[in-house]
Amino acid sequence: MEERVLISLLLDFYGPLLTDKQRLSLQLHHENDMSLGEIADELGVSRQAVHDNLQRARHILNDYESKLHLVAQYEMREQVIQELKDTLPVEVLSQVKVQQLLTQMEG
């Protein structure tokens, strides 16, 4: 999985557990594609501070994932949903109950 996608998923699941600066730094760098220098200017800190903050935040997110596996479980559910959609006949998928269940699982 691409690092940007992984970081975005990790932020979705564990972002609230980071400090505001850690979360904002990751969002600016990975989602807004800002450089370390741009983030440093935005936050009023040094480029090195941004680098350290990003490294620390990534480590924290990976640590949470290694213990809780929320992203891995999400990916597994998405794969099962896709396999169901690919495998079940169109007639079955068109049934309202199946559609509702798939929608609930996706959300």
C-alpha atoms as a PDB file:
ATOM      1  CA  MET A   1       0.000   0.000   0.000  1.00  0.00           C
ATOM      2  CA  GLU A   2       1.259   3.480  -0.831  1.00  0.00           C
ATOM      3  CA  GLU A   3       2.589   5.381   2.184  1.00  0.00           C
ATOM      4  CA  ARG A   4       0.227   8.338   1.680  1.00  0.00           C
ATOM      5  CA  VAL A   5      -2.783   6.037   1.686  1.00  0.00           C
ATOM      6  CA  LEU A   6      -1.530   4.159   4.736  1.00  0.00           C
ATOM      7  CA  ILE A   7      -0.855   7.371   6.677  1.00  0.00           C
ATOM      8  CA  SER A   8      -4.319   8.675   5.751  1.00  0.00           C
ATOM      9  CA  LEU A   9      -5.947   5.479   7.006  1.00  0.00           C
ATOM     10  CA  LEU A  10      -3.866   5.515  10.174  1.00  0.00           C
ATOM     11  CA  LEU A  11      -4.874   9.148  10.740  1.00  0.00           C
ATOM     12  CA  ASP A  12      -8.529   8.274  10.199  1.00  0.00           C
ATOM     13  CA  PHE A  13      -8.402   5.549  12.822  1.00  0.00           C
ATOM     14  CA  TYR A  14      -5.861   6.854  15.333  1.00  0.00           C
ATOM     15  CA  GLY A  15      -5.528  10.578  14.582  1.00  0.00           C
ATOM     16  CA  PRO A  16      -7.512  11.683  17.629  1.00  0.00           C
ATOM     17  CA  LEU A  17      -4.920   9.942  19.812  1.00  0.00           C
ATOM     18  CA  LEU A  18      -2.119  12.207  18.536  1.00  0.00           C
ATOM     19  CA  THR A  19      -1.378  15.709  19.766  1.00  0.00           C
ATOM     20  CA  ASP A  20      -2.860  18.526  17.710  1.00  0.00           C
ATOM     21  CA  LYS A  21       0.557  19.454  16.283  1.00  0.00           C
ATOM     22  CA  GLN A  22       1.370  15.864  15.366  1.00  0.00           C
ATOM     23  CA  ARG A  23      -1.972  15.384  13.632  1.00  0.00           C
ATOM     24  CA  LEU A  24      -1.774  18.733  11.832  1.00  0.00           C
ATOM     25  CA  SER A  25       1.820  18.125  10.717  1.00  0.00           C
ATOM     26  CA  LEU A  26       0.902  14.742   9.224  1.00  0.00           C
ATOM     27  CA  GLN A  27      -2.178  16.140   7.520  1.00  0.00           C
ATOM     28  CA  LEU A  28      -0.251  19.046   6.025  1.00  0.00           C
ATOM     29  CA  HIS A  29       2.609  16.831   4.852  1.00  0.00           C
ATOM     30  CA  HIS A  30       0.733  13.770   3.578  1.00  0.00           C
ATOM     31  CA  GLU A  31      -2.665  15.101   2.599  1.00  0.00           C
ATOM     32  CA  ASN A  32      -1.806  18.665   1.524  1.00  0.00           C
ATOM     33  CA  ASP A  33       1.614  17.714   0.123  1.00  0.00           C
ATOM     34  CA  MET A  34       3.399  20.519   1.976  1.00  0.00           C
ATOM     35  CA  SER A  35       7.163  20.428   2.433  1.00  0.00           C
ATOM     36  CA  LEU A  36       8.817  20.429   5.844  1.00  0.00           C
ATOM     37  CA  GLY A  37       9.833  24.052   5.317  1.00  0.00           C
ATOM     38  CA  GLU A  38       6.273  25.090   4.449  1.00  0.00           C
ATOM     39  CA  ILE A  39       4.915  23.310   7.521  1.00  0.00           C
ATOM     40  CA  ALA A  40       7.612  24.909   9.692  1.00  0.00           C
ATOM     41  CA  ASP A  41       6.585  28.363   8.440  1.00  0.00           C
ATOM     42  CA  GLU A  42       2.908  27.563   8.977  1.00  0.00           C
ATOM     43  CA  LEU A  43       3.446  26.353  12.553  1.00  0.00           C
ATOM     44  CA  GLY A  44       6.196  28.791  13.488  1.00  0.00           C
ATOM     45  CA  VAL A  45       8.746  26.106  14.337  1.00  0.00           C
ATOM     46  CA  SER A  46      12.016  24.870  12.834  1.00  0.00           C
ATOM     47  CA  ARG A  47      12.190  22.460   9.922  1.00  0.00           C
ATOM     48  CA  GLN A  48      13.958  19.992  12.242  1.00  0.00           C
ATOM     49  CA  ALA A  49      11.098  20.232  14.742  1.00  0.00           C
ATOM     50  CA  VAL A  50       8.627  19.372  11.985  1.00  0.00           C
ATOM     51  CA  HIS A  51      10.780  16.424  10.886  1.00  0.00           C
ATOM     52  CA  ASP A  52      11.041  15.101  14.441  1.00  0.00           C
ATOM     53  CA  ASN A  53       7.323  15.606  15.003  1.00  0.00           C
ATOM     54  CA  LEU A  54       6.453  13.709  11.811  1.00  0.00           C
ATOM     55  CA  GLN A  55       8.774  10.829  12.707  1.00  0.00           C
ATOM     56  CA  ARG A  56       7.348  10.614  16.217  1.00  0.00           C
ATOM     57  CA  ALA A  57       3.754  10.742  14.947  1.00  0.00           C
ATOM     58  CA  ARG A  58       4.376   8.001  12.349  1.00  0.00           C
ATOM     59  CA  HIS A  59       5.965   5.831  15.002  1.00  0.00           C
ATOM     60  CA  ILE A  60       2.992   6.347  17.329  1.00  0.00           C
ATOM     61  CA  LEU A  61       0.476   5.534  14.581  1.00  0.00           C
ATOM     62  CA  ASN A  62       2.367   2.389  13.578  1.00  0.00           C
ATOM     63  CA  ASP A  63       2.577   1.360  17.224  1.00  0.00           C
ATOM     64  CA  TYR A  64      -1.198   1.713  17.647  1.00  0.00           C
ATOM     65  CA  GLU A  65      -1.781  -0.297  14.465  1.00  0.00           C
ATOM     66  CA  SER A  66       0.603  -3.047  15.565  1.00  0.00           C
ATOM     67  CA  LYS A  67      -1.440  -3.455  18.750  1.00  0.00           C
ATOM     68  CA  LEU A  68      -5.004  -2.798  17.584  1.00  0.00           C
ATOM     69  CA  HIS A  69      -4.966  -3.813  13.884  1.00  0.00           C
ATOM     70  CA  LEU A  70      -7.882  -1.517  12.983  1.00  0.00           C
ATOM     71  CA  VAL A  71      -6.530  -0.673   9.529  1.00  0.00           C
ATOM     72  CA  ALA A  72      -5.800  -4.338   8.785  1.00  0.00           C
ATOM     73  CA  GLN A  73      -9.330  -5.306   9.830  1.00  0.00           C
ATOM     74  CA  TYR A  74     -10.768  -2.504   7.700  1.00  0.00           C
ATOM     75  CA  GLU A  75      -8.801  -3.687   4.667  1.00  0.00           C
ATOM     76  CA  MET A  76      -9.934  -7.268   5.264  1.00  0.00           C
ATOM     77  CA  ARG A  77     -13.593  -6.185   5.420  1.00  0.00           C
ATOM     78  CA  GLU A  78     -13.184  -4.171   2.220  1.00  0.00           C
ATOM     79  CA  GLN A  79     -11.674  -7.195   0.481  1.00  0.00           C
ATOM     80  CA  VAL A  80     -14.525  -9.466   1.624  1.00  0.00           C
ATOM     81  CA  ILE A  81     -17.096  -6.937   0.428  1.00  0.00           C
ATOM     82  CA  GLN A  82     -15.412  -6.695  -2.965  1.00  0.00           C
ATOM     83  CA  GLU A  83     -15.216 -10.484  -3.257  1.00  0.00           C
ATOM     84  CA  LEU A  84     -18.925 -10.752  -2.438  1.00  0.00           C
ATOM     85  CA  LYS A  85     -19.733  -8.168  -5.072  1.00  0.00           C
ATOM     86  CA  ASP A  86     -17.551  -9.962  -7.621  1.00  0.00           C
ATOM     87  CA  THR A  87     -18.822 -13.451  -6.776  1.00  0.00           C
ATOM     88  CA  LEU A  88     -22.542 -13.146  -6.164  1.00  0.00           C
ATOM     89  CA  PRO A  89     -24.812 -13.175  -9.196  1.00  0.00           C
ATOM     90  CA  VAL A  90     -26.299  -9.845 -10.221  1.00  0.00           C
ATOM     91  CA  GLU A  91     -29.762 -11.148  -9.356  1.00  0.00           C
ATOM     92  CA  VAL A  92     -28.715 -11.711  -5.758  1.00  0.00           C
ATOM     93  CA  LEU A  93     -26.943  -8.376  -5.488  1.00  0.00           C
ATOM     94  CA  SER A  94     -29.994  -6.589  -6.726  1.00  0.00           C
ATOM     95  CA  GLN A  95     -32.042  -7.831  -3.814  1.00  0.00           C
ATOM     96  CA  VAL A  96     -32.738  -5.016  -1.395  1.00  0.00           C
ATOM     97  CA  LYS A  97     -31.706  -6.906   1.737  1.00  0.00           C
ATOM     98  CA  VAL A  98     -28.279  -7.836   0.380  1.00  0.00           C
ATOM     99  CA  GLN A  99     -27.690  -4.253  -0.741  1.00  0.00           C
ATOM    100  CA  GLN A 100     -28.595  -2.959   2.710  1.00  0.00           C
ATOM    101  CA  LEU A 101     -26.231  -5.398   4.396  1.00  0.00           C
ATOM    102  CA  LEU A 102     -23.375  -4.505   2.061  1.00  0.00           C
ATOM    103  CA  THR A 103     -24.011  -0.801   2.641  1.00  0.00           C
ATOM    104  CA  GLN A 104     -23.963  -1.302   6.406  1.00  0.00           C
ATOM    105  CA  MET A 105     -20.699  -3.233   6.202  1.00  0.00           C
ATOM    106  CA  GLU A 106     -19.096  -0.524   4.031  1.00  0.00           C
ATOM    107  CA  GLY A 107     -20.110   2.265   6.407  1.00  0.00           C
END
